[in-house]
N, C-alpha and C. Protein backbone atom coordinates (compact mmCIF):
# COMPACT_ATOMS: atom_id res chain seq x y z
N MET A 1 143.22 148.06 131.51
CA MET A 1 142.28 147.07 132.00
C MET A 1 141.20 146.87 130.86
N ALA A 2 140.76 147.89 130.15
CA ALA A 2 139.77 147.73 129.11
C ALA A 2 140.34 146.88 127.95
N PHE A 3 141.60 147.13 127.64
CA PHE A 3 142.31 146.29 126.59
C PHE A 3 142.35 144.80 126.98
N ARG A 4 142.65 144.58 128.22
CA ARG A 4 142.66 143.24 128.78
C ARG A 4 141.32 142.51 128.63
N THR A 5 140.24 143.25 129.08
CA THR A 5 138.90 142.73 129.05
C THR A 5 138.53 142.44 127.53
N LEU A 6 138.96 143.25 126.66
CA LEU A 6 138.65 143.03 125.21
C LEU A 6 139.29 141.74 124.78
N ILE A 7 140.55 141.52 125.12
CA ILE A 7 141.33 140.33 124.76
C ILE A 7 140.61 139.09 125.26
N VAL A 8 140.27 139.10 126.53
CA VAL A 8 139.61 137.99 127.10
C VAL A 8 138.21 137.71 126.45
N GLY A 9 137.59 138.74 126.18
CA GLY A 9 136.29 138.57 125.45
C GLY A 9 136.46 137.94 124.12
N LEU A 10 137.43 138.34 123.44
CA LEU A 10 137.79 137.86 122.04
C LEU A 10 138.03 136.36 122.05
N ILE A 11 138.93 136.09 123.07
CA ILE A 11 139.41 134.75 123.29
C ILE A 11 138.09 133.83 123.59
N LEU A 12 137.27 134.21 124.52
CA LEU A 12 136.10 133.40 124.92
C LEU A 12 135.17 133.24 123.64
N ALA A 13 134.98 134.32 122.87
CA ALA A 13 134.14 134.37 121.72
C ALA A 13 134.66 133.25 120.75
N ALA A 14 135.98 133.23 120.51
CA ALA A 14 136.64 132.32 119.55
C ALA A 14 136.36 130.85 119.95
N TYR A 15 136.45 130.58 121.34
CA TYR A 15 136.20 129.18 121.83
C TYR A 15 134.83 128.78 121.75
N SER A 16 133.87 129.73 121.91
CA SER A 16 132.39 129.42 121.98
C SER A 16 131.74 129.38 120.55
N ALA A 17 132.33 130.10 119.64
CA ALA A 17 131.71 130.15 118.25
C ALA A 17 131.91 128.92 117.49
N PRO A 18 130.89 128.44 116.79
CA PRO A 18 130.98 127.15 115.99
C PRO A 18 132.01 127.43 114.82
N SER A 19 132.62 126.38 114.56
CA SER A 19 133.50 126.45 113.42
C SER A 19 132.84 126.06 112.15
N LEU A 20 133.24 126.48 111.00
CA LEU A 20 132.62 126.25 109.75
C LEU A 20 132.44 124.82 109.48
N GLY A 21 133.45 124.02 109.94
CA GLY A 21 133.40 122.62 109.60
C GLY A 21 132.54 121.73 110.54
N GLN A 22 131.94 122.37 111.56
CA GLN A 22 131.18 121.48 112.52
C GLN A 22 129.68 121.77 112.54
N ASP A 23 129.24 122.79 113.44
CA ASP A 23 127.87 123.04 113.68
C ASP A 23 127.32 123.76 112.43
N MET A 24 128.08 124.38 111.56
CA MET A 24 127.48 125.18 110.55
C MET A 24 127.31 124.37 109.16
N GLN A 25 127.29 123.05 109.33
CA GLN A 25 127.25 122.34 108.05
C GLN A 25 125.96 122.49 107.49
N GLU A 26 125.85 122.39 106.17
CA GLU A 26 124.62 122.49 105.39
C GLU A 26 123.72 121.26 105.58
N GLU A 27 122.45 121.28 105.59
CA GLU A 27 121.61 120.19 105.52
C GLU A 27 121.88 119.37 104.31
N PRO A 28 121.76 117.99 104.45
CA PRO A 28 121.93 117.26 103.19
C PRO A 28 120.74 117.50 102.28
N VAL A 29 121.10 117.56 100.92
CA VAL A 29 119.95 117.67 99.89
C VAL A 29 119.59 116.45 99.43
N LYS A 30 118.26 116.17 99.34
CA LYS A 30 117.73 114.88 98.80
C LYS A 30 118.05 114.96 97.40
N ASP A 31 118.37 113.69 96.75
CA ASP A 31 118.58 113.59 95.35
C ASP A 31 117.30 113.99 94.47
N SER A 32 116.19 113.33 95.06
CA SER A 32 114.93 113.52 94.34
C SER A 32 113.69 113.01 95.19
N ILE A 33 112.50 113.20 94.76
CA ILE A 33 111.49 112.73 95.47
C ILE A 33 110.99 111.47 94.76
N MET A 34 110.98 110.32 95.63
CA MET A 34 110.60 109.01 95.18
C MET A 34 109.08 108.86 94.93
N GLU A 35 108.68 108.15 93.87
CA GLU A 35 107.23 108.03 93.68
C GLU A 35 107.07 106.61 93.32
N ILE A 36 105.89 105.94 93.74
CA ILE A 36 105.45 104.67 93.26
C ILE A 36 104.08 104.78 92.64
N THR A 37 103.92 104.19 91.55
CA THR A 37 102.55 104.24 90.83
C THR A 37 102.21 102.79 90.28
N SER A 38 100.99 102.71 89.78
CA SER A 38 100.62 101.49 89.13
C SER A 38 99.80 101.86 87.96
N ALA A 39 99.92 101.26 86.82
CA ALA A 39 99.10 101.37 85.66
C ALA A 39 97.78 100.83 85.82
N ALA A 40 97.55 100.01 86.89
CA ALA A 40 96.24 99.35 87.06
C ALA A 40 95.28 100.35 87.92
N PHE A 41 95.77 101.08 88.76
CA PHE A 41 94.88 101.96 89.65
C PHE A 41 95.76 103.21 90.01
N ALA A 42 94.99 104.32 90.23
CA ALA A 42 95.60 105.58 90.77
C ALA A 42 95.60 105.57 92.30
N GLU A 43 96.32 106.51 92.80
CA GLU A 43 96.31 106.78 94.28
C GLU A 43 94.94 107.07 94.74
N GLY A 44 94.51 106.17 95.78
CA GLY A 44 93.22 106.25 96.37
C GLY A 44 92.03 105.72 95.63
N ASP A 45 92.35 105.08 94.47
CA ASP A 45 91.25 104.41 93.70
C ASP A 45 91.17 102.88 94.09
N THR A 46 90.09 102.35 93.55
CA THR A 46 89.81 100.91 93.81
C THR A 46 90.83 100.01 93.03
N ILE A 47 91.34 99.04 93.71
CA ILE A 47 92.17 98.11 93.02
C ILE A 47 91.41 97.13 92.15
N PRO A 48 91.65 96.94 90.89
CA PRO A 48 90.76 96.15 90.05
C PRO A 48 90.78 94.67 90.65
N MET A 49 89.57 94.07 90.36
CA MET A 49 89.24 92.70 90.84
C MET A 49 90.41 91.69 90.58
N LYS A 50 90.95 91.78 89.39
CA LYS A 50 91.82 90.68 89.02
C LYS A 50 93.05 90.63 89.99
N TYR A 51 93.31 91.62 90.71
CA TYR A 51 94.51 91.71 91.68
C TYR A 51 94.03 91.30 93.02
N THR A 52 92.88 90.64 93.15
CA THR A 52 92.28 90.43 94.51
C THR A 52 91.91 89.03 94.70
N CYS A 53 91.32 88.52 95.81
CA CYS A 53 90.93 87.23 95.93
C CYS A 53 89.63 86.93 95.24
N ASP A 54 88.94 87.90 94.75
CA ASP A 54 87.63 87.83 94.04
C ASP A 54 88.05 87.53 92.44
N GLY A 55 89.37 87.82 92.15
CA GLY A 55 89.69 87.64 90.75
C GLY A 55 90.81 86.62 90.61
N GLN A 56 91.84 86.98 89.80
CA GLN A 56 92.90 86.04 89.58
C GLN A 56 94.00 86.02 90.63
N GLY A 57 93.97 87.09 91.56
CA GLY A 57 94.98 87.26 92.57
C GLY A 57 96.35 87.56 92.10
N LEU A 58 96.39 88.17 90.91
CA LEU A 58 97.67 88.63 90.37
C LEU A 58 98.28 89.82 91.16
N SER A 59 99.59 89.98 91.27
CA SER A 59 100.13 91.18 91.73
C SER A 59 99.97 92.29 90.64
N PRO A 60 99.70 93.52 91.13
CA PRO A 60 99.56 94.43 90.24
C PRO A 60 100.84 95.14 89.50
N PRO A 61 100.80 95.59 88.41
CA PRO A 61 102.09 96.25 87.84
C PRO A 61 102.39 97.53 88.72
N LEU A 62 103.66 97.63 89.01
CA LEU A 62 104.14 98.75 89.81
C LEU A 62 105.34 99.27 89.18
N ALA A 63 105.52 100.63 89.20
CA ALA A 63 106.68 101.36 88.75
C ALA A 63 107.01 102.50 89.65
N TRP A 64 108.32 102.80 89.65
CA TRP A 64 108.76 103.86 90.61
C TRP A 64 109.83 104.82 89.97
N THR A 65 109.96 105.92 90.45
CA THR A 65 110.86 106.93 89.99
C THR A 65 111.52 107.62 91.18
N GLY A 66 112.62 108.31 90.95
CA GLY A 66 113.28 109.11 91.99
C GLY A 66 113.95 108.36 93.08
N VAL A 67 114.46 107.18 92.71
CA VAL A 67 115.27 106.43 93.74
C VAL A 67 116.63 107.24 93.89
N PRO A 68 117.06 107.51 95.12
CA PRO A 68 118.29 108.20 95.17
C PRO A 68 119.49 107.50 94.50
N GLU A 69 120.39 108.27 94.02
CA GLU A 69 121.56 107.71 93.25
C GLU A 69 122.37 106.80 94.12
N LYS A 70 122.59 107.01 95.50
CA LYS A 70 123.36 106.25 96.31
C LYS A 70 122.66 105.00 96.95
N ALA A 71 121.40 104.93 96.63
CA ALA A 71 120.59 103.75 97.05
C ALA A 71 121.30 102.44 96.69
N VAL A 72 121.34 101.48 97.67
CA VAL A 72 121.89 100.16 97.44
C VAL A 72 120.83 99.12 97.13
N SER A 73 119.72 99.21 97.81
CA SER A 73 118.61 98.28 97.62
C SER A 73 117.27 98.93 97.88
N LEU A 74 116.18 98.20 97.45
CA LEU A 74 114.86 98.66 97.74
C LEU A 74 113.96 97.60 98.52
N VAL A 75 113.09 97.99 99.23
CA VAL A 75 112.20 97.13 99.99
C VAL A 75 110.73 97.55 99.53
N LEU A 76 109.90 96.58 99.25
CA LEU A 76 108.46 96.84 98.92
C LEU A 76 107.68 95.99 100.00
N ILE A 77 106.78 96.77 100.70
CA ILE A 77 105.87 96.16 101.66
C ILE A 77 104.45 96.53 101.29
N MET A 78 103.57 95.53 101.12
CA MET A 78 102.20 95.80 100.93
C MET A 78 101.42 95.31 102.12
N ASP A 79 100.62 96.21 102.75
CA ASP A 79 99.77 95.74 103.95
C ASP A 79 98.51 96.40 103.89
N ASP A 80 97.72 95.86 104.77
CA ASP A 80 96.41 96.44 105.09
C ASP A 80 96.21 96.80 106.56
N PRO A 81 96.20 98.14 106.86
CA PRO A 81 96.18 98.62 108.15
C PRO A 81 94.71 98.48 108.83
N ASP A 82 93.68 98.12 107.98
CA ASP A 82 92.36 98.04 108.41
C ASP A 82 91.86 96.68 108.81
N ALA A 83 92.84 95.73 108.75
CA ALA A 83 92.50 94.32 109.06
C ALA A 83 92.04 94.19 110.48
N PRO A 84 91.08 93.40 110.71
CA PRO A 84 90.50 93.21 112.06
C PRO A 84 91.61 92.78 113.18
N MET A 85 92.60 91.93 112.75
CA MET A 85 93.61 91.36 113.65
C MET A 85 94.82 92.20 113.65
N GLY A 86 94.77 93.51 113.22
CA GLY A 86 95.98 94.37 113.23
C GLY A 86 96.46 94.40 111.77
N ILE A 87 97.53 95.05 111.63
CA ILE A 87 98.10 95.30 110.20
C ILE A 87 98.45 93.91 109.59
N TRP A 88 97.91 93.73 108.40
CA TRP A 88 98.11 92.47 107.68
C TRP A 88 98.96 92.57 106.49
N ALA A 89 100.12 91.83 106.58
CA ALA A 89 101.08 91.94 105.50
C ALA A 89 100.76 91.06 104.35
N HIS A 90 100.59 91.67 103.14
CA HIS A 90 100.09 90.93 101.86
C HIS A 90 101.37 90.58 101.06
N TRP A 91 102.40 91.28 101.19
CA TRP A 91 103.58 91.12 100.18
C TRP A 91 104.82 91.76 100.88
N VAL A 92 105.89 91.00 100.93
CA VAL A 92 107.15 91.58 101.50
C VAL A 92 108.29 91.20 100.56
N LEU A 93 108.84 92.23 99.89
CA LEU A 93 109.95 91.95 99.08
C LEU A 93 111.16 92.86 99.56
N PHE A 94 112.33 92.28 99.47
CA PHE A 94 113.54 93.12 99.96
C PHE A 94 114.72 92.72 99.17
N ASP A 95 115.79 93.46 99.29
CA ASP A 95 116.91 93.31 98.43
C ASP A 95 116.64 93.47 96.96
N ILE A 96 115.71 94.29 96.63
CA ILE A 96 115.44 94.59 95.28
C ILE A 96 116.53 95.50 94.79
N PRO A 97 117.18 95.19 93.63
CA PRO A 97 118.20 96.03 93.13
C PRO A 97 117.78 97.50 92.96
N ALA A 98 118.65 98.33 93.34
CA ALA A 98 118.26 99.79 93.30
C ALA A 98 118.12 100.28 91.84
N ASP A 99 118.65 99.64 90.93
CA ASP A 99 118.48 100.00 89.60
C ASP A 99 117.18 99.48 88.94
N MET A 100 116.39 98.74 89.58
CA MET A 100 115.08 98.21 89.09
C MET A 100 114.17 99.44 89.17
N SER A 101 113.24 99.53 88.29
CA SER A 101 112.23 100.68 88.33
C SER A 101 110.84 100.14 88.16
N ALA A 102 110.66 98.91 88.11
CA ALA A 102 109.24 98.36 88.02
C ALA A 102 109.14 96.86 88.43
N LEU A 103 107.90 96.44 88.59
CA LEU A 103 107.54 95.07 88.69
C LEU A 103 106.41 94.82 87.86
N ASP A 104 106.44 93.64 86.98
CA ASP A 104 105.40 93.45 86.06
C ASP A 104 104.22 92.86 86.76
N GLU A 105 103.09 93.02 86.18
CA GLU A 105 101.87 92.25 86.60
C GLU A 105 102.09 90.84 86.79
N GLY A 106 101.66 90.31 87.88
CA GLY A 106 101.66 88.80 88.13
C GLY A 106 103.06 88.24 88.11
N ILE A 107 104.02 89.00 88.55
CA ILE A 107 105.33 88.55 88.59
C ILE A 107 105.42 87.32 89.57
N LEU A 108 106.21 86.20 89.01
CA LEU A 108 106.30 85.01 89.71
C LEU A 108 107.47 84.97 90.61
N ALA A 109 107.45 83.94 91.63
CA ALA A 109 108.59 83.74 92.50
C ALA A 109 109.87 83.53 91.72
N MET A 110 109.82 82.74 90.66
CA MET A 110 111.01 82.46 89.94
C MET A 110 111.51 83.67 89.17
N GLU A 111 110.74 84.43 88.74
CA GLU A 111 111.13 85.77 88.01
C GLU A 111 111.79 86.59 89.06
N LEU A 112 111.24 86.72 90.25
CA LEU A 112 111.85 87.62 91.28
C LEU A 112 113.27 86.97 91.68
N ALA A 113 113.23 85.73 91.77
CA ALA A 113 114.65 85.09 92.13
C ALA A 113 115.69 85.37 91.12
N ASP A 114 115.23 85.30 89.78
CA ASP A 114 116.09 85.62 88.65
C ASP A 114 116.69 87.06 88.66
N LEU A 115 115.86 87.92 89.35
CA LEU A 115 116.16 89.38 89.42
C LEU A 115 116.97 89.61 90.72
N ASN A 116 117.22 88.58 91.53
CA ASN A 116 117.88 88.66 92.76
C ASN A 116 117.10 89.44 93.85
N VAL A 117 115.71 89.30 93.70
CA VAL A 117 114.88 89.94 94.65
C VAL A 117 114.45 88.76 95.79
N MET A 118 114.46 89.23 96.98
CA MET A 118 114.14 88.19 97.99
C MET A 118 112.67 88.36 98.40
N GLU A 119 111.97 87.32 98.71
CA GLU A 119 110.64 87.37 99.20
C GLU A 119 110.53 87.01 100.54
N GLY A 120 109.71 87.86 101.41
CA GLY A 120 109.64 87.61 102.78
C GLY A 120 108.33 86.88 103.00
N ILE A 121 108.00 86.61 104.21
CA ILE A 121 106.81 85.97 104.74
C ILE A 121 105.66 86.95 104.99
N ASN A 122 104.60 86.69 104.40
CA ASN A 122 103.36 87.57 104.56
C ASN A 122 102.62 87.04 105.81
N SER A 123 101.48 87.66 106.14
CA SER A 123 100.76 87.39 107.32
C SER A 123 99.94 85.97 107.17
N TRP A 124 99.95 85.38 105.96
CA TRP A 124 99.45 84.05 105.82
C TRP A 124 100.63 83.02 106.08
N SER A 125 101.73 83.41 106.50
CA SER A 125 102.98 82.51 106.60
C SER A 125 103.36 81.95 105.31
N ASN A 126 103.25 82.67 104.29
CA ASN A 126 103.67 82.17 102.87
C ASN A 126 104.56 83.35 102.37
N THR A 127 105.27 82.94 101.28
CA THR A 127 105.89 83.92 100.53
C THR A 127 104.97 84.30 99.33
N GLY A 128 105.25 85.39 98.64
CA GLY A 128 104.46 85.76 97.56
C GLY A 128 103.44 86.84 97.79
N TYR A 129 102.66 87.24 96.71
CA TYR A 129 101.75 88.21 96.84
C TYR A 129 100.45 87.57 97.28
N GLY A 130 99.67 88.19 98.23
CA GLY A 130 98.40 87.91 98.63
C GLY A 130 97.49 88.98 98.44
N GLY A 131 96.61 88.83 97.40
CA GLY A 131 95.71 89.91 97.02
C GLY A 131 94.72 90.28 98.08
N PRO A 132 94.17 91.63 97.98
CA PRO A 132 93.12 92.08 98.83
C PRO A 132 91.96 91.22 99.06
N CYS A 133 91.52 90.89 100.26
CA CYS A 133 90.46 90.06 100.39
C CYS A 133 89.76 90.40 101.84
N PRO A 134 89.33 91.67 102.07
CA PRO A 134 88.78 92.20 103.33
C PRO A 134 87.58 91.37 103.72
N PRO A 135 87.41 90.97 105.00
CA PRO A 135 86.30 90.20 105.40
C PRO A 135 85.00 91.10 105.35
N SER A 136 85.12 92.43 105.48
CA SER A 136 83.98 93.36 105.44
C SER A 136 84.39 94.82 105.18
N GLY A 137 83.58 95.56 104.57
CA GLY A 137 83.81 97.00 104.36
C GLY A 137 84.98 97.12 103.43
N THR A 138 85.32 98.43 103.24
CA THR A 138 86.36 98.87 102.29
C THR A 138 87.74 98.99 103.21
N HIS A 139 88.77 98.34 102.61
CA HIS A 139 90.12 98.39 103.23
C HIS A 139 90.98 99.20 102.45
N ARG A 140 91.96 99.76 103.02
CA ARG A 140 93.17 100.47 102.41
C ARG A 140 94.25 99.54 102.24
N TYR A 141 94.90 99.50 101.08
CA TYR A 141 96.07 98.73 100.81
C TYR A 141 97.22 99.54 100.54
N HIS A 142 98.25 99.56 101.44
CA HIS A 142 99.42 100.44 101.28
C HIS A 142 100.55 99.67 100.64
N PHE A 143 101.12 100.12 99.48
CA PHE A 143 102.20 99.70 98.82
C PHE A 143 103.31 100.68 99.13
N ARG A 144 104.23 100.30 99.97
CA ARG A 144 105.27 101.17 100.50
C ARG A 144 106.61 100.71 99.97
N LEU A 145 107.26 101.66 99.32
CA LEU A 145 108.61 101.39 98.72
C LEU A 145 109.68 102.20 99.58
N TYR A 146 110.70 101.60 99.89
CA TYR A 146 111.73 102.11 100.62
C TYR A 146 113.12 102.03 99.93
N ALA A 147 113.93 103.09 99.81
CA ALA A 147 115.24 103.06 99.28
C ALA A 147 116.16 102.99 100.45
N LEU A 148 117.14 101.99 100.44
CA LEU A 148 118.03 101.82 101.56
C LEU A 148 119.46 102.07 101.10
N ASN A 149 120.37 102.35 102.11
CA ASN A 149 121.76 102.53 101.84
C ASN A 149 122.56 101.23 102.10
N LYS A 150 121.86 100.15 102.13
CA LYS A 150 122.58 98.89 102.29
C LYS A 150 121.72 97.71 101.74
N GLN A 151 122.32 96.62 101.54
CA GLN A 151 121.47 95.39 101.29
C GLN A 151 121.23 94.69 102.61
N LEU A 152 120.00 94.25 102.74
CA LEU A 152 119.49 93.64 103.96
C LEU A 152 120.17 92.16 104.08
N SER A 153 120.24 91.45 103.07
CA SER A 153 120.95 90.09 103.24
C SER A 153 120.31 89.27 104.36
N LEU A 154 119.12 89.20 104.52
CA LEU A 154 118.43 88.45 105.50
C LEU A 154 118.31 87.10 105.22
N GLY A 155 118.37 86.75 103.93
CA GLY A 155 118.11 85.45 103.54
C GLY A 155 116.65 85.07 103.32
N PRO A 156 116.24 84.05 102.82
CA PRO A 156 114.82 83.80 102.34
C PRO A 156 113.98 83.74 103.65
N TYR A 157 112.65 83.99 103.39
CA TYR A 157 111.69 83.82 104.46
C TYR A 157 111.78 84.66 105.68
N ALA A 158 112.29 85.91 105.45
CA ALA A 158 112.28 86.85 106.60
C ALA A 158 110.89 87.42 106.73
N SER A 159 110.50 87.69 107.94
CA SER A 159 109.12 88.24 108.18
C SER A 159 109.14 89.68 107.98
N LYS A 160 107.95 90.34 107.85
CA LYS A 160 107.89 91.77 107.66
C LYS A 160 108.52 92.40 108.94
N GLU A 161 108.44 91.89 110.06
CA GLU A 161 108.99 92.53 111.20
C GLU A 161 110.57 92.49 111.25
N GLN A 162 111.08 91.37 110.73
CA GLN A 162 112.56 91.29 110.55
C GLN A 162 113.03 92.18 109.52
N VAL A 163 112.34 92.36 108.42
CA VAL A 163 112.80 93.24 107.35
C VAL A 163 112.68 94.70 107.83
N SER A 164 111.65 95.07 108.52
CA SER A 164 111.36 96.39 109.15
C SER A 164 112.52 96.68 110.19
N GLN A 165 112.81 95.79 111.05
CA GLN A 165 113.94 96.01 111.98
C GLN A 165 115.24 96.15 111.29
N ALA A 166 115.57 95.41 110.25
CA ALA A 166 116.88 95.48 109.60
C ALA A 166 116.99 96.75 108.82
N MET A 167 115.82 97.42 108.47
CA MET A 167 115.83 98.65 107.65
C MET A 167 116.16 99.90 108.63
N THR A 168 115.91 99.62 109.83
CA THR A 168 115.94 100.83 110.87
C THR A 168 117.33 101.55 110.69
N GLY A 169 117.28 102.78 110.50
CA GLY A 169 118.44 103.65 110.32
C GLY A 169 119.11 103.73 108.96
N HIS A 170 118.46 102.84 107.96
CA HIS A 170 119.09 102.79 106.65
C HIS A 170 118.12 103.30 105.54
N VAL A 171 117.05 103.88 105.80
CA VAL A 171 116.02 104.37 104.92
C VAL A 171 116.55 105.72 104.27
N MET A 172 116.73 105.75 103.01
CA MET A 172 117.18 107.04 102.47
C MET A 172 115.93 107.85 101.81
N ALA A 173 114.88 107.20 101.40
CA ALA A 173 113.70 107.79 100.84
C ALA A 173 112.61 106.71 100.81
N GLU A 174 111.26 107.17 100.85
CA GLU A 174 110.24 106.25 100.71
C GLU A 174 109.05 106.85 99.99
N ALA A 175 108.25 105.93 99.40
CA ALA A 175 107.11 106.31 98.63
C ALA A 175 105.86 105.45 98.97
N GLN A 176 104.75 105.90 98.80
CA GLN A 176 103.52 105.12 99.15
C GLN A 176 102.49 105.22 98.05
N LEU A 177 101.77 104.16 97.75
CA LEU A 177 100.72 104.21 96.86
C LEU A 177 99.58 103.43 97.64
N ILE A 178 98.47 104.02 97.70
CA ILE A 178 97.27 103.38 98.50
C ILE A 178 96.13 103.01 97.47
N GLY A 179 95.71 101.81 97.57
CA GLY A 179 94.60 101.42 96.69
C GLY A 179 93.49 100.91 97.74
N LEU A 180 92.26 100.98 97.29
CA LEU A 180 91.19 100.48 98.09
C LEU A 180 90.44 99.28 97.51
N TYR A 181 89.85 98.49 98.43
CA TYR A 181 89.14 97.29 97.89
C TYR A 181 88.09 96.94 98.87
N SER A 182 86.91 96.43 98.40
CA SER A 182 85.74 95.90 99.16
C SER A 182 85.44 94.53 98.53
N HIS A 183 85.52 93.48 99.41
CA HIS A 183 85.21 92.08 99.02
C HIS A 183 83.86 92.06 98.27
N LYS A 184 83.70 91.33 97.29
CA LYS A 184 82.46 91.24 96.53
C LYS A 184 81.66 90.02 96.97
């Protein structure tokens, strides 16, 4: 009887134990930590006037590192979470080739198109970069970079909401740079 109980116990243990190929899989290892920086301002610093509505309104130079090797495309969204009417999208870029590592200062729509980068619609209902121009106080401007495992292929003039929705479930890594600005 004891032998029979031992055999039944071993059989039950074998059926309830996880197999090495299923539940005991290792956690995926991230390729690297992605970072986004600007030569014009550091994290948490004031965005220089020439990149705002008080200056020339140029887009700042941006550079990034640590994009996962298997990334297919990148998305860059710049927004202002402190805007009185809710989060204000200043710049929406998508389908950025994963092998790109920077955007030049003042990059133009034609240059982006030549690089196969798509521009989405900002909160002014335009494409392109819209520099900081807060109505009052100091606002935070978030430059968020996302590495995706697919190309979005939304076509021109997609909204920030459409881009965000299409990214869902496809973000491999993300990085953020925050700059500050007060209207002069």
